Amino acid sequence: MSILGTSSVKPAWLAVLLGSLAAAGLLLGAGAGSTGWQALSQAWSDDAAWQIVRDIRLPRSAGAWLAGGLLGLAGALAQGLFRNPLADPFLLGSASGASLAVCVWLSLAGGGALAAQSLLGLTGAAFAGALGAVLLTIALSRGVQNSLRLLLAGVIVGVVLGALSSWLGLLRPDVLQAMQGFLLGSTAFVGWPACLAMALALLAASALAWPLARVLDALSLGEGTARSLGMPLSLARWLLLAAFALATGAAVAQVGLVAFVGLAAPHLVRALAPVAHRWQLPLATLMGAALLLWADLLARVLMAPQDMPVGVLTAVIGGGYLLLRMSRVAGVSHAAASSRAGGLP
């Protein structure tokens, strides 16, 4: 039985279900606009409506799916590498690095909405900042051999870069409003070039990570056991961290800081279909993709014609799920403790 109280399902069936949710979400995404749900039939007879569907709605939905997949993959890699179910894609300071880089870019570009609309500079700065923060964390931890030192270095980098970002915001108040969309997470500005960039990053990160699934399985038994099994831990860690950094940086660069998707997706996979990493990595990718795609659909229509930042919705939904999981785990633990106590003479 899973933590959600349902029987575990076969991973292949879960993959089919998540693929079906993706197809349905992409179809509905073509009809979700600022005025709520709209029939797609008018797009076939109206050139203006078709241009909106082709150039705005479809790339936004595809971008949400790809960004969610990148975050789901990064979350699964982080939790497997550090053997910590609370690890997420922003663990090694990538969120703070991206925020600081975006803040610096907006300050140099003059701040305000005009600078924020320079998407090439903004996404490039976010990607460079996220990757730079991960590299700084690795440098401070003196390599990737010690997981605990790497985690501590990530916390330090996140706190320091976050403080620098806040300080720069105080010096340049004109950049704060332009930063809000990035900090809350949004898919509103995703176009086909961004989708292509995320698709290439997802393919590259998956190609790096999937062949090393057995190393993650061995690490789940402990580093000593993994070494005794002959796993090349040092090289594997470098490659897995490269995949992690690429996936996180690509997602953050295009949609900003979307919370909880990378943390919740691997948890949901383990709850529904507890499997080895050979299945868990692609399933977490599909789960994260489905979560962000459907959250983006809800964000478009819940407050139409206003557009809710998708990061707000994922934080509420993801936080609610994790609280539910915690309460169920606490309930099971309490019941087990009571049972043992009742059995004492």
C-alpha atoms as a PDB file:
ATOM      1  CA  MET A   1       0.000   0.000   0.000  1.00  0.00           C
ATOM      2  CA  SER A   2       1.239   3.497  -0.756  1.00  0.00           C
ATOM      3  CA  ILE A   3       1.284   6.454   1.580  1.00  0.00           C
ATOM      4  CA  LEU A   4      -1.753   7.817  -0.222  1.00  0.00           C
ATOM      5  CA  GLY A   5      -3.720   4.770   0.739  1.00  0.00           C
ATOM      6  CA  THR A   6      -3.915   3.295  -2.779  1.00  0.00           C
ATOM      7  CA  SER A   7      -2.271   0.196  -4.181  1.00  0.00           C
ATOM      8  CA  SER A   8       0.914   0.774  -6.148  1.00  0.00           C
ATOM      9  CA  VAL A   9       0.532   0.586  -9.910  1.00  0.00           C
ATOM     10  CA  LYS A  10       2.830  -0.792 -12.577  1.00  0.00           C
ATOM     11  CA  PRO A  11       5.307   1.811 -13.804  1.00  0.00           C
ATOM     12  CA  ALA A  12       4.325   1.293 -17.437  1.00  0.00           C
ATOM     13  CA  TRP A  13       0.672   2.037 -16.632  1.00  0.00           C
ATOM     14  CA  LEU A  14       1.706   5.138 -14.681  1.00  0.00           C
ATOM     15  CA  ALA A  15       3.752   6.313 -17.671  1.00  0.00           C
ATOM     16  CA  VAL A  16       0.735   5.819 -19.953  1.00  0.00           C
ATOM     17  CA  LEU A  17      -1.477   7.734 -17.521  1.00  0.00           C
ATOM     18  CA  LEU A  18       0.975  10.637 -17.293  1.00  0.00           C
ATOM     19  CA  GLY A  19       1.354  10.694 -21.073  1.00  0.00           C
ATOM     20  CA  SER A  20      -2.426  10.840 -21.446  1.00  0.00           C
ATOM     21  CA  LEU A  21      -2.597  13.699 -18.945  1.00  0.00           C
ATOM     22  CA  ALA A  22       0.052  15.532 -20.960  1.00  0.00           C
ATOM     23  CA  ALA A  23      -1.869  15.085 -24.227  1.00  0.00           C
ATOM     24  CA  ALA A  24      -5.121  16.244 -22.613  1.00  0.00           C
ATOM     25  CA  GLY A  25      -3.367  19.197 -20.988  1.00  0.00           C
ATOM     26  CA  LEU A  26      -1.795  20.324 -24.244  1.00  0.00           C
ATOM     27  CA  LEU A  27      -5.172  20.118 -25.987  1.00  0.00           C
ATOM     28  CA  LEU A  28      -6.905  22.076 -23.251  1.00  0.00           C
ATOM     29  CA  GLY A  29      -4.020  24.531 -23.137  1.00  0.00           C
ATOM     30  CA  ALA A  30      -4.769  25.535 -26.716  1.00  0.00           C
ATOM     31  CA  GLY A  31      -8.228  26.651 -25.574  1.00  0.00           C
ATOM     32  CA  ALA A  32      -7.315  28.289 -22.249  1.00  0.00           C
ATOM     33  CA  GLY A  33      -7.019  32.049 -22.589  1.00  0.00           C
ATOM     34  CA  SER A  34      -7.476  35.295 -20.727  1.00  0.00           C
ATOM     35  CA  THR A  35     -11.263  34.978 -20.962  1.00  0.00           C
ATOM     36  CA  GLY A  36     -11.363  31.389 -19.658  1.00  0.00           C
ATOM     37  CA  TRP A  37     -12.019  28.265 -21.714  1.00  0.00           C
ATOM     38  CA  GLN A  38     -12.623  28.871 -25.391  1.00  0.00           C
ATOM     39  CA  ALA A  39     -13.639  26.542 -28.187  1.00  0.00           C
ATOM     40  CA  LEU A  40     -10.844  25.661 -30.585  1.00  0.00           C
ATOM     41  CA  SER A  41     -13.225  25.561 -33.539  1.00  0.00           C
ATOM     42  CA  GLN A  42     -12.954  29.310 -34.037  1.00  0.00           C
ATOM     43  CA  ALA A  43      -9.189  29.024 -34.542  1.00  0.00           C
ATOM     44  CA  TRP A  44      -9.715  27.086 -37.768  1.00  0.00           C
ATOM     45  CA  SER A  45     -11.812  29.848 -39.308  1.00  0.00           C
ATOM     46  CA  ASP A  46     -10.189  32.919 -37.743  1.00  0.00           C
ATOM     47  CA  ASP A  47      -6.567  33.731 -38.644  1.00  0.00           C
ATOM     48  CA  ALA A  48      -6.116  35.955 -35.589  1.00  0.00           C
ATOM     49  CA  ALA A  49      -7.421  33.260 -33.248  1.00  0.00           C
ATOM     50  CA  TRP A  50      -5.159  30.663 -34.873  1.00  0.00           C
ATOM     51  CA  GLN A  51      -2.132  32.936 -34.454  1.00  0.00           C
ATOM     52  CA  ILE A  52      -2.922  33.268 -30.732  1.00  0.00           C
ATOM     53  CA  VAL A  53      -3.193  29.495 -30.378  1.00  0.00           C
ATOM     54  CA  ARG A  54      -0.027  28.813 -32.408  1.00  0.00           C
ATOM     55  CA  ASP A  55       2.260  31.533 -31.057  1.00  0.00           C
ATOM     56  CA  ILE A  56       1.054  32.006 -27.467  1.00  0.00           C
ATOM     57  CA  ARG A  57      -1.050  29.191 -26.016  1.00  0.00           C
ATOM     58  CA  LEU A  58       0.606  26.109 -27.494  1.00  0.00           C
ATOM     59  CA  PRO A  59       4.220  27.158 -26.748  1.00  0.00           C
ATOM     60  CA  ARG A  60       3.163  28.184 -23.248  1.00  0.00           C
ATOM     61  CA  SER A  61       1.609  24.764 -22.587  1.00  0.00           C
ATOM     62  CA  ALA A  62       4.528  22.921 -24.170  1.00  0.00           C
ATOM     63  CA  GLY A  63       6.949  25.082 -22.185  1.00  0.00           C
ATOM     64  CA  ALA A  64       5.139  24.329 -18.926  1.00  0.00           C
ATOM     65  CA  TRP A  65       5.337  20.601 -19.691  1.00  0.00           C
ATOM     66  CA  LEU A  66       9.051  20.773 -20.526  1.00  0.00           C
ATOM     67  CA  ALA A  67       9.947  22.961 -17.538  1.00  0.00           C
ATOM     68  CA  GLY A  68       8.025  20.655 -15.203  1.00  0.00           C
ATOM     69  CA  GLY A  69       9.849  17.677 -16.681  1.00  0.00           C
ATOM     70  CA  LEU A  70      13.212  19.335 -16.086  1.00  0.00           C
ATOM     71  CA  LEU A  71      12.304  20.144 -12.480  1.00  0.00           C
ATOM     72  CA  GLY A  72      10.945  16.631 -11.875  1.00  0.00           C
ATOM     73  CA  LEU A  73      14.158  15.081 -13.220  1.00  0.00           C
ATOM     74  CA  ALA A  74      16.327  17.462 -11.181  1.00  0.00           C
ATOM     75  CA  GLY A  75      14.337  16.667  -8.030  1.00  0.00           C
ATOM     76  CA  ALA A  76      14.723  12.915  -8.529  1.00  0.00           C
ATOM     77  CA  LEU A  77      18.466  13.335  -9.096  1.00  0.00           C
ATOM     78  CA  ALA A  78      18.862  15.503  -5.993  1.00  0.00           C
ATOM     79  CA  GLN A  79      16.939  13.089  -3.762  1.00  0.00           C
ATOM     80  CA  GLY A  80      18.857  10.113  -5.135  1.00  0.00           C
ATOM     81  CA  LEU A  81      22.285  11.737  -4.945  1.00  0.00           C
ATOM     82  CA  PHE A  82      21.893  13.022  -1.388  1.00  0.00           C
ATOM     83  CA  ARG A  83      19.646  10.209  -0.139  1.00  0.00           C
ATOM     84  CA  ASN A  84      17.364  12.896   1.231  1.00  0.00           C
ATOM     85  CA  PRO A  85      13.612  12.981   0.458  1.00  0.00           C
ATOM     86  CA  LEU A  86      13.567  16.726   1.192  1.00  0.00           C
ATOM     87  CA  ALA A  87      16.131  17.566  -1.501  1.00  0.00           C
ATOM     88  CA  ASP A  88      14.837  19.729  -4.351  1.00  0.00           C
ATOM     89  CA  PRO A  89      16.280  21.280  -7.546  1.00  0.00           C
ATOM     90  CA  PHE A  90      17.237  24.474  -5.704  1.00  0.00           C
ATOM     91  CA  LEU A  91      19.299  22.650  -3.093  1.00  0.00           C
ATOM     92  CA  LEU A  92      22.758  23.749  -4.256  1.00  0.00           C
ATOM     93  CA  GLY A  93      22.064  27.479  -4.381  1.00  0.00           C
ATOM     94  CA  SER A  94      20.803  27.599  -7.964  1.00  0.00           C
ATOM     95  CA  ALA A  95      17.688  29.589  -7.038  1.00  0.00           C
ATOM     96  CA  SER A  96      19.664  32.286  -5.214  1.00  0.00           C
ATOM     97  CA  GLY A  97      22.280  32.378  -7.981  1.00  0.00           C
ATOM     98  CA  ALA A  98      19.624  32.829 -10.650  1.00  0.00           C
ATOM     99  CA  SER A  99      17.864  35.523  -8.595  1.00  0.00           C
ATOM    100  CA  LEU A 100      21.083  37.454  -8.075  1.00  0.00           C
ATOM    101  CA  ALA A 101      22.018  37.223 -11.757  1.00  0.00           C
ATOM    102  CA  VAL A 102      18.561  38.429 -12.833  1.00  0.00           C
ATOM    103  CA  CYS A 103      18.728  41.275 -10.331  1.00  0.00           C
ATOM    104  CA  VAL A 104      22.156  42.299 -11.645  1.00  0.00           C
ATOM    105  CA  TRP A 105      20.925  42.108 -15.238  1.00  0.00           C
ATOM    106  CA  LEU A 106      17.884  44.264 -14.504  1.00  0.00           C
ATOM    107  CA  SER A 107      20.052  46.783 -12.683  1.00  0.00           C
ATOM    108  CA  LEU A 108      22.522  47.031 -15.558  1.00  0.00           C
ATOM    109  CA  ALA A 109      19.713  47.195 -18.120  1.00  0.00           C
ATOM    110  CA  GLY A 110      17.965  50.007 -16.320  1.00  0.00           C
ATOM    111  CA  GLY A 111      15.300  48.046 -14.440  1.00  0.00           C
ATOM    112  CA  GLY A 112      11.594  48.206 -15.114  1.00  0.00           C
ATOM    113  CA  ALA A 113       9.376  46.322 -17.527  1.00  0.00           C
ATOM    114  CA  LEU A 114      11.446  47.220 -20.604  1.00  0.00           C
ATOM    115  CA  ALA A 115      14.507  45.465 -19.222  1.00  0.00           C
ATOM    116  CA  ALA A 116      12.404  42.483 -18.141  1.00  0.00           C
ATOM    117  CA  GLN A 117      11.097  42.080 -21.673  1.00  0.00           C
ATOM    118  CA  SER A 118      14.623  41.541 -22.977  1.00  0.00           C
ATOM    119  CA  LEU A 119      14.102  37.829 -22.645  1.00  0.00           C
ATOM    120  CA  LEU A 120      17.399  36.725 -24.148  1.00  0.00           C
ATOM    121  CA  GLY A 121      19.378  38.690 -21.597  1.00  0.00           C
ATOM    122  CA  LEU A 122      17.051  37.751 -18.747  1.00  0.00           C
ATOM    123  CA  THR A 123      17.025  34.013 -19.468  1.00  0.00           C
ATOM    124  CA  GLY A 124      20.748  34.004 -20.190  1.00  0.00           C
ATOM    125  CA  ALA A 125      21.440  35.724 -16.881  1.00  0.00           C
ATOM    126  CA  ALA A 126      19.206  33.296 -14.976  1.00  0.00           C
ATOM    127  CA  PHE A 127      20.824  30.263 -16.599  1.00  0.00           C
ATOM    128  CA  ALA A 128      24.344  31.558 -15.960  1.00  0.00           C
ATOM    129  CA  GLY A 129      23.476  32.466 -12.372  1.00  0.00           C
ATOM    130  CA  ALA A 130      21.979  29.039 -11.607  1.00  0.00           C
ATOM    131  CA  LEU A 131      24.914  27.154 -13.105  1.00  0.00           C
ATOM    132  CA  GLY A 132      27.420  29.527 -11.518  1.00  0.00           C
ATOM    133  CA  ALA A 133      25.919  28.951  -8.070  1.00  0.00           C
ATOM    134  CA  VAL A 134      26.151  25.164  -8.475  1.00  0.00           C
ATOM    135  CA  LEU A 135      29.783  25.424  -9.616  1.00  0.00           C
ATOM    136  CA  LEU A 136      30.567  27.719  -6.679  1.00  0.00           C
ATOM    137  CA  THR A 137      28.990  25.187  -4.312  1.00  0.00           C
ATOM    138  CA  ILE A 138      31.123  22.389  -5.773  1.00  0.00           C
ATOM    139  CA  ALA A 139      34.249  24.536  -5.503  1.00  0.00           C
ATOM    140  CA  LEU A 140      33.563  25.412  -1.862  1.00  0.00           C
ATOM    141  CA  SER A 141      32.926  21.781  -0.981  1.00  0.00           C
ATOM    142  CA  ARG A 142      36.233  20.864  -2.667  1.00  0.00           C
ATOM    143  CA  GLY A 143      34.668  18.416  -5.067  1.00  0.00           C
ATOM    144  CA  VAL A 144      31.718  16.083  -5.019  1.00  0.00           C
ATOM    145  CA  GLN A 145      33.111  13.251  -2.892  1.00  0.00           C
ATOM    146  CA  ASN A 146      31.518  14.331   0.407  1.00  0.00           C
ATOM    147  CA  SER A 147      27.718  14.659   0.178  1.00  0.00           C
ATOM    148  CA  LEU A 148      27.335  16.344   3.565  1.00  0.00           C
ATOM    149  CA  ARG A 149      29.967  18.981   2.753  1.00  0.00           C
ATOM    150  CA  LEU A 150      28.286  19.571  -0.597  1.00  0.00           C
ATOM    151  CA  LEU A 151      24.928  20.109   1.116  1.00  0.00           C
ATOM    152  CA  LEU A 152      26.393  22.518   3.655  1.00  0.00           C
ATOM    153  CA  ALA A 153      28.166  24.460   0.918  1.00  0.00           C
ATOM    154  CA  GLY A 154      24.886  24.678  -0.996  1.00  0.00           C
ATOM    155  CA  VAL A 155      23.115  26.133   2.039  1.00  0.00           C
ATOM    156  CA  ILE A 156      25.891  28.708   2.532  1.00  0.00           C
ATOM    157  CA  VAL A 157      25.903  29.713  -1.137  1.00  0.00           C
ATOM    158  CA  GLY A 158      22.117  30.034  -1.133  1.00  0.00           C
ATOM    159  CA  VAL A 159      22.074  32.258   1.956  1.00  0.00           C
ATOM    160  CA  VAL A 160      24.943  34.501   0.807  1.00  0.00           C
ATOM    161  CA  LEU A 161      23.693  34.966  -2.761  1.00  0.00           C
ATOM    162  CA  GLY A 162      20.151  35.495  -1.509  1.00  0.00           C
ATOM    163  CA  ALA A 163      21.368  38.214   0.849  1.00  0.00           C
ATOM    164  CA  LEU A 164      23.299  39.905  -1.975  1.00  0.00           C
ATOM    165  CA  SER A 165      20.186  39.808  -4.160  1.00  0.00           C
ATOM    166  CA  SER A 166      18.097  41.429  -1.411  1.00  0.00           C
ATOM    167  CA  TRP A 167      20.743  44.071  -0.802  1.00  0.00           C
ATOM    168  CA  LEU A 168      20.901  44.908  -4.505  1.00  0.00           C
ATOM    169  CA  GLY A 169      17.111  45.183  -4.518  1.00  0.00           C
ATOM    170  CA  LEU A 170      17.315  47.739  -1.715  1.00  0.00           C
ATOM    171  CA  LEU A 171      19.879  49.747  -3.665  1.00  0.00           C
ATOM    172  CA  ARG A 172      17.789  49.595  -6.856  1.00  0.00           C
ATOM    173  CA  PRO A 173      14.074  49.593  -5.886  1.00  0.00           C
ATOM    174  CA  ASP A 174      13.138  49.977  -9.563  1.00  0.00           C
ATOM    175  CA  VAL A 175      14.100  46.356 -10.245  1.00  0.00           C
ATOM    176  CA  LEU A 176      11.849  44.862  -7.554  1.00  0.00           C
ATOM    177  CA  GLN A 177       8.637  44.912  -9.559  1.00  0.00           C
ATOM    178  CA  ALA A 178      10.333  43.409 -12.602  1.00  0.00           C
ATOM    179  CA  MET A 179      11.781  40.694 -10.333  1.00  0.00           C
ATOM    180  CA  GLN A 180       8.388  39.600  -9.013  1.00  0.00           C
ATOM    181  CA  GLY A 181       7.422  37.566 -12.066  1.00  0.00           C
ATOM    182  CA  PHE A 182      10.723  35.708 -11.966  1.00  0.00           C
ATOM    183  CA  LEU A 183      10.587  35.033  -8.218  1.00  0.00           C
ATOM    184  CA  LEU A 184       6.998  33.755  -8.333  1.00  0.00           C
ATOM    185  CA  GLY A 185       7.470  31.729 -11.513  1.00  0.00           C
ATOM    186  CA  SER A 186       5.594  32.301 -14.747  1.00  0.00           C
ATOM    187  CA  THR A 187       5.151  30.601 -18.109  1.00  0.00           C
ATOM    188  CA  ALA A 188       3.527  33.645 -19.725  1.00  0.00           C
ATOM    189  CA  PHE A 189       6.556  34.575 -21.855  1.00  0.00           C
ATOM    190  CA  VAL A 190       7.571  31.098 -23.029  1.00  0.00           C
ATOM    191  CA  GLY A 191       7.792  30.834 -26.831  1.00  0.00           C
ATOM    192  CA  TRP A 192       8.872  28.178 -29.300  1.00  0.00           C
ATOM    193  CA  PRO A 193      12.625  29.058 -29.052  1.00  0.00           C
ATOM    194  CA  ALA A 194      12.427  28.564 -25.281  1.00  0.00           C
ATOM    195  CA  CYS A 195      10.630  25.238 -25.799  1.00  0.00           C
ATOM    196  CA  LEU A 196      13.409  24.103 -28.138  1.00  0.00           C
ATOM    197  CA  ALA A 197      16.084  25.086 -25.609  1.00  0.00           C
ATOM    198  CA  MET A 198      14.312  23.218 -22.798  1.00  0.00           C
ATOM    199  CA  ALA A 199      13.709  20.159 -24.989  1.00  0.00           C
ATOM    200  CA  LEU A 200      17.422  19.958 -25.852  1.00  0.00           C
ATOM    201  CA  ALA A 201      18.360  20.415 -22.180  1.00  0.00           C
ATOM    202  CA  LEU A 202      15.907  17.682 -21.135  1.00  0.00           C
ATOM    203  CA  LEU A 203      17.298  15.269 -23.701  1.00  0.00           C
ATOM    204  CA  ALA A 204      20.892  16.019 -22.684  1.00  0.00           C
ATOM    205  CA  ALA A 205      20.195  15.759 -18.934  1.00  0.00           C
ATOM    206  CA  SER A 206      18.265  12.516 -19.402  1.00  0.00           C
ATOM    207  CA  ALA A 207      21.046  11.073 -21.540  1.00  0.00           C
ATOM    208  CA  LEU A 208      23.536  11.846 -18.769  1.00  0.00           C
ATOM    209  CA  ALA A 209      21.390  10.620 -15.883  1.00  0.00           C
ATOM    210  CA  TRP A 210      19.550   7.533 -17.117  1.00  0.00           C
ATOM    211  CA  PRO A 211      22.638   5.328 -17.737  1.00  0.00           C
ATOM    212  CA  LEU A 212      23.691   6.038 -14.121  1.00  0.00           C
ATOM    213  CA  ALA A 213      20.419   4.859 -12.566  1.00  0.00           C
ATOM    214  CA  ARG A 214      22.163   1.788 -11.115  1.00  0.00           C
ATOM    215  CA  VAL A 215      24.610   4.076  -9.298  1.00  0.00           C
ATOM    216  CA  LEU A 216      21.694   5.899  -7.664  1.00  0.00           C
ATOM    217  CA  ASP A 217      20.203   2.535  -6.651  1.00  0.00           C
ATOM    218  CA  ALA A 218      23.522   1.547  -5.096  1.00  0.00           C
ATOM    219  CA  LEU A 219      23.853   4.896  -3.300  1.00  0.00           C
ATOM    220  CA  SER A 220      20.446   4.344  -1.696  1.00  0.00           C
ATOM    221  CA  LEU A 221      22.072   1.431   0.171  1.00  0.00           C
ATOM    222  CA  GLY A 222      24.899   3.658   1.443  1.00  0.00           C
ATOM    223  CA  GLU A 223      28.215   4.852   0.060  1.00  0.00           C
ATOM    224  CA  GLY A 224      30.117   1.929   1.542  1.00  0.00           C
ATOM    225  CA  THR A 225      27.828  -0.588  -0.124  1.00  0.00           C
ATOM    226  CA  ALA A 226      28.003   1.310  -3.415  1.00  0.00           C
ATOM    227  CA  ARG A 227      31.810   1.242  -3.345  1.00  0.00           C
ATOM    228  CA  SER A 228      31.828  -2.460  -2.503  1.00  0.00           C
ATOM    229  CA  LEU A 229      29.671  -3.063  -5.577  1.00  0.00           C
ATOM    230  CA  GLY A 230      32.373  -1.452  -7.719  1.00  0.00           C
ATOM    231  CA  MET A 231      30.412   1.675  -8.646  1.00  0.00           C
ATOM    232  CA  PRO A 232      32.514   4.568 -10.048  1.00  0.00           C
ATOM    233  CA  LEU A 233      31.120   7.037  -7.526  1.00  0.00           C
ATOM    234  CA  SER A 234      33.388  10.005  -8.232  1.00  0.00           C
ATOM    235  CA  LEU A 235      32.782  10.086 -11.993  1.00  0.00           C
ATOM    236  CA  ALA A 236      29.104   9.252 -11.541  1.00  0.00           C
ATOM    237  CA  ARG A 237      28.616  12.128  -9.099  1.00  0.00           C
ATOM    238  CA  TRP A 238      30.180  14.595 -11.543  1.00  0.00           C
ATOM    239  CA  LEU A 239      27.964  13.413 -14.378  1.00  0.00           C
ATOM    240  CA  LEU A 240      24.821  13.362 -12.245  1.00  0.00           C
ATOM    241  CA  LEU A 241      25.545  16.842 -10.911  1.00  0.00           C
ATOM    242  CA  ALA A 242      26.085  18.036 -14.483  1.00  0.00           C
ATOM    243  CA  ALA A 243      22.659  16.653 -15.429  1.00  0.00           C
ATOM    244  CA  PHE A 244      21.144  18.191 -12.280  1.00  0.00           C
ATOM    245  CA  ALA A 245      22.665  21.618 -12.958  1.00  0.00           C
ATOM    246  CA  LEU A 246      21.663  21.576 -16.628  1.00  0.00           C
ATOM    247  CA  ALA A 247      18.053  20.602 -15.869  1.00  0.00           C
ATOM    248  CA  THR A 248      17.676  23.140 -13.071  1.00  0.00           C
ATOM    249  CA  GLY A 249      19.360  25.968 -14.950  1.00  0.00           C
ATOM    250  CA  ALA A 250      17.321  25.433 -18.111  1.00  0.00           C
ATOM    251  CA  ALA A 251      14.009  25.392 -16.227  1.00  0.00           C
ATOM    252  CA  VAL A 252      14.818  28.393 -14.025  1.00  0.00           C
ATOM    253  CA  ALA A 253      16.026  30.409 -17.014  1.00  0.00           C
ATOM    254  CA  GLN A 254      12.707  30.050 -18.830  1.00  0.00           C
ATOM    255  CA  VAL A 255      10.005  29.983 -16.116  1.00  0.00           C
ATOM    256  CA  GLY A 256      11.651  31.409 -13.003  1.00  0.00           C
ATOM    257  CA  LEU A 257      11.488  29.922  -9.512  1.00  0.00           C
ATOM    258  CA  VAL A 258       8.573  27.473  -9.611  1.00  0.00           C
ATOM    259  CA  ALA A 259       8.277  25.927  -6.168  1.00  0.00           C
ATOM    260  CA  PHE A 260       7.538  22.342  -5.041  1.00  0.00           C
ATOM    261  CA  VAL A 261       7.315  20.675  -8.473  1.00  0.00           C
ATOM    262  CA  GLY A 262      10.795  19.179  -8.237  1.00  0.00           C
ATOM    263  CA  LEU A 263      10.223  18.216  -4.603  1.00  0.00           C
ATOM    264  CA  ALA A 264       6.759  16.687  -4.974  1.00  0.00           C
ATOM    265  CA  ALA A 265       7.148  14.829  -8.290  1.00  0.00           C
ATOM    266  CA  PRO A 266       9.560  12.105  -7.027  1.00  0.00           C
ATOM    267  CA  HIS A 267       7.446  11.698  -3.864  1.00  0.00           C
ATOM    268  CA  LEU A 268       4.324  11.102  -5.936  1.00  0.00           C
ATOM    269  CA  VAL A 269       6.130   8.551  -8.087  1.00  0.00           C
ATOM    270  CA  ARG A 270       7.401   6.649  -5.046  1.00  0.00           C
ATOM    271  CA  ALA A 271       3.917   6.735  -3.508  1.00  0.00           C
ATOM    272  CA  LEU A 272       2.151   5.450  -6.615  1.00  0.00           C
ATOM    273  CA  ALA A 273       4.799   3.147  -8.124  1.00  0.00           C
ATOM    274  CA  PRO A 274       7.818   2.460  -5.895  1.00  0.00           C
ATOM    275  CA  VAL A 275      10.461   1.422  -8.426  1.00  0.00           C
ATOM    276  CA  ALA A 276      14.201   1.537  -9.003  1.00  0.00           C
ATOM    277  CA  HIS A 277      15.788   4.642 -10.510  1.00  0.00           C
ATOM    278  CA  ARG A 278      15.748   3.167 -14.011  1.00  0.00           C
ATOM    279  CA  TRP A 279      11.996   3.806 -13.910  1.00  0.00           C
ATOM    280  CA  GLN A 280      11.914   6.527 -11.282  1.00  0.00           C
ATOM    281  CA  LEU A 281      13.897   9.079 -13.304  1.00  0.00           C
ATOM    282  CA  PRO A 282      11.625   9.060 -16.393  1.00  0.00           C
ATOM    283  CA  LEU A 283       8.477   8.764 -14.250  1.00  0.00           C
ATOM    284  CA  ALA A 284       9.527  11.740 -12.088  1.00  0.00           C
ATOM    285  CA  THR A 285      10.160  13.662 -15.317  1.00  0.00           C
ATOM    286  CA  LEU A 286       6.665  12.849 -16.609  1.00  0.00           C
ATOM    287  CA  MET A 287       5.104  13.548 -13.203  1.00  0.00           C
ATOM    288  CA  GLY A 288       6.761  16.965 -12.888  1.00  0.00           C
ATOM    289  CA  ALA A 289       5.732  17.780 -16.459  1.00  0.00           C
ATOM    290  CA  ALA A 290       2.093  16.869 -15.790  1.00  0.00           C
ATOM    291  CA  LEU A 291       2.031  18.795 -12.503  1.00  0.00           C
ATOM    292  CA  LEU A 292       3.317  22.039 -13.972  1.00  0.00           C
ATOM    293  CA  LEU A 293       1.215  21.758 -17.135  1.00  0.00           C
ATOM    294  CA  TRP A 294      -2.050  21.343 -15.226  1.00  0.00           C
ATOM    295  CA  ALA A 295      -1.057  23.970 -12.654  1.00  0.00           C
ATOM    296  CA  ASP A 296      -0.438  26.379 -15.532  1.00  0.00           C
ATOM    297  CA  LEU A 297      -3.885  25.613 -16.965  1.00  0.00           C
ATOM    298  CA  LEU A 298      -5.493  26.382 -13.611  1.00  0.00           C
ATOM    299  CA  ALA A 299      -3.411  29.540 -13.223  1.00  0.00           C
ATOM    300  CA  ARG A 300      -4.773  30.825 -16.541  1.00  0.00           C
ATOM    301  CA  VAL A 301      -8.463  30.327 -15.800  1.00  0.00           C
ATOM    302  CA  LEU A 302      -8.898  30.672 -12.025  1.00  0.00           C
ATOM    303  CA  MET A 303      -8.607  34.479 -12.054  1.00  0.00           C
ATOM    304  CA  ALA A 304      -9.257  35.188 -15.754  1.00  0.00           C
ATOM    305  CA  PRO A 305      -8.699  37.660 -17.298  1.00  0.00           C
ATOM    306  CA  GLN A 306      -5.861  38.144 -14.777  1.00  0.00           C
ATOM    307  CA  ASP A 307      -3.003  35.668 -14.972  1.00  0.00           C
ATOM    308  CA  MET A 308      -2.008  34.063 -11.671  1.00  0.00           C
ATOM    309  CA  PRO A 309       1.744  33.297 -11.347  1.00  0.00           C
ATOM    310  CA  VAL A 310       1.996  29.538 -11.660  1.00  0.00           C
ATOM    311  CA  GLY A 311       4.573  29.371  -8.868  1.00  0.00           C
ATOM    312  CA  VAL A 312       1.943  30.510  -6.368  1.00  0.00           C
ATOM    313  CA  LEU A 313      -0.362  27.672  -7.379  1.00  0.00           C
ATOM    314  CA  THR A 314       2.355  25.002  -7.325  1.00  0.00           C
ATOM    315  CA  ALA A 315       3.431  26.184  -3.861  1.00  0.00           C
ATOM    316  CA  VAL A 316      -0.127  25.843  -2.525  1.00  0.00           C
ATOM    317  CA  ILE A 317      -0.755  22.458  -4.169  1.00  0.00           C
ATOM    318  CA  GLY A 318       2.704  21.050  -3.430  1.00  0.00           C
ATOM    319  CA  GLY A 319       2.697  22.317   0.131  1.00  0.00           C
ATOM    320  CA  GLY A 320      -0.744  20.817   0.699  1.00  0.00           C
ATOM    321  CA  TYR A 321       0.365  17.445  -0.640  1.00  0.00           C
ATOM    322  CA  LEU A 322       3.492  17.355   1.518  1.00  0.00           C
ATOM    323  CA  LEU A 323       1.494  18.339   4.616  1.00  0.00           C
ATOM    324  CA  LEU A 324      -0.955  15.517   3.861  1.00  0.00           C
ATOM    325  CA  ARG A 325       1.915  13.089   3.462  1.00  0.00           C
ATOM    326  CA  MET A 326       3.486  14.229   6.729  1.00  0.00           C
ATOM    327  CA  SER A 327       0.207  13.852   8.623  1.00  0.00           C
ATOM    328  CA  ARG A 328      -0.307  10.325   7.244  1.00  0.00           C
ATOM    329  CA  VAL A 329       3.254   9.305   8.128  1.00  0.00           C
ATOM    330  CA  ALA A 330       2.791  10.721  11.636  1.00  0.00           C
ATOM    331  CA  GLY A 331      -0.507   8.850  11.961  1.00  0.00           C
ATOM    332  CA  VAL A 332       1.070   5.548  10.880  1.00  0.00           C
ATOM    333  CA  SER A 333       4.002   6.056  13.257  1.00  0.00           C
ATOM    334  CA  HIS A 334       1.666   6.890  16.145  1.00  0.00           C
ATOM    335  CA  ALA A 335      -0.468   3.822  15.444  1.00  0.00           C
ATOM    336  CA  ALA A 336       2.616   1.599  15.334  1.00  0.00           C
ATOM    337  CA  ALA A 337       3.930   3.051  18.607  1.00  0.00           C
ATOM    338  CA  SER A 338       0.540   2.543  20.278  1.00  0.00           C
ATOM    339  CA  SER A 339       0.419  -1.051  19.041  1.00  0.00           C
ATOM    340  CA  ARG A 340       3.866  -1.781  20.465  1.00  0.00           C
ATOM    341  CA  ALA A 341       2.971  -0.121  23.754  1.00  0.00           C
ATOM    342  CA  GLY A 342      -0.237  -2.138  23.975  1.00  0.00           C
ATOM    343  CA  GLY A 343       1.667  -5.349  23.498  1.00  0.00           C
ATOM    344  CA  LEU A 344       3.951  -4.767  26.480  1.00  0.00           C
ATOM    345  CA  PRO A 345       3.239  -6.806  29.613  1.00  0.00           C
END
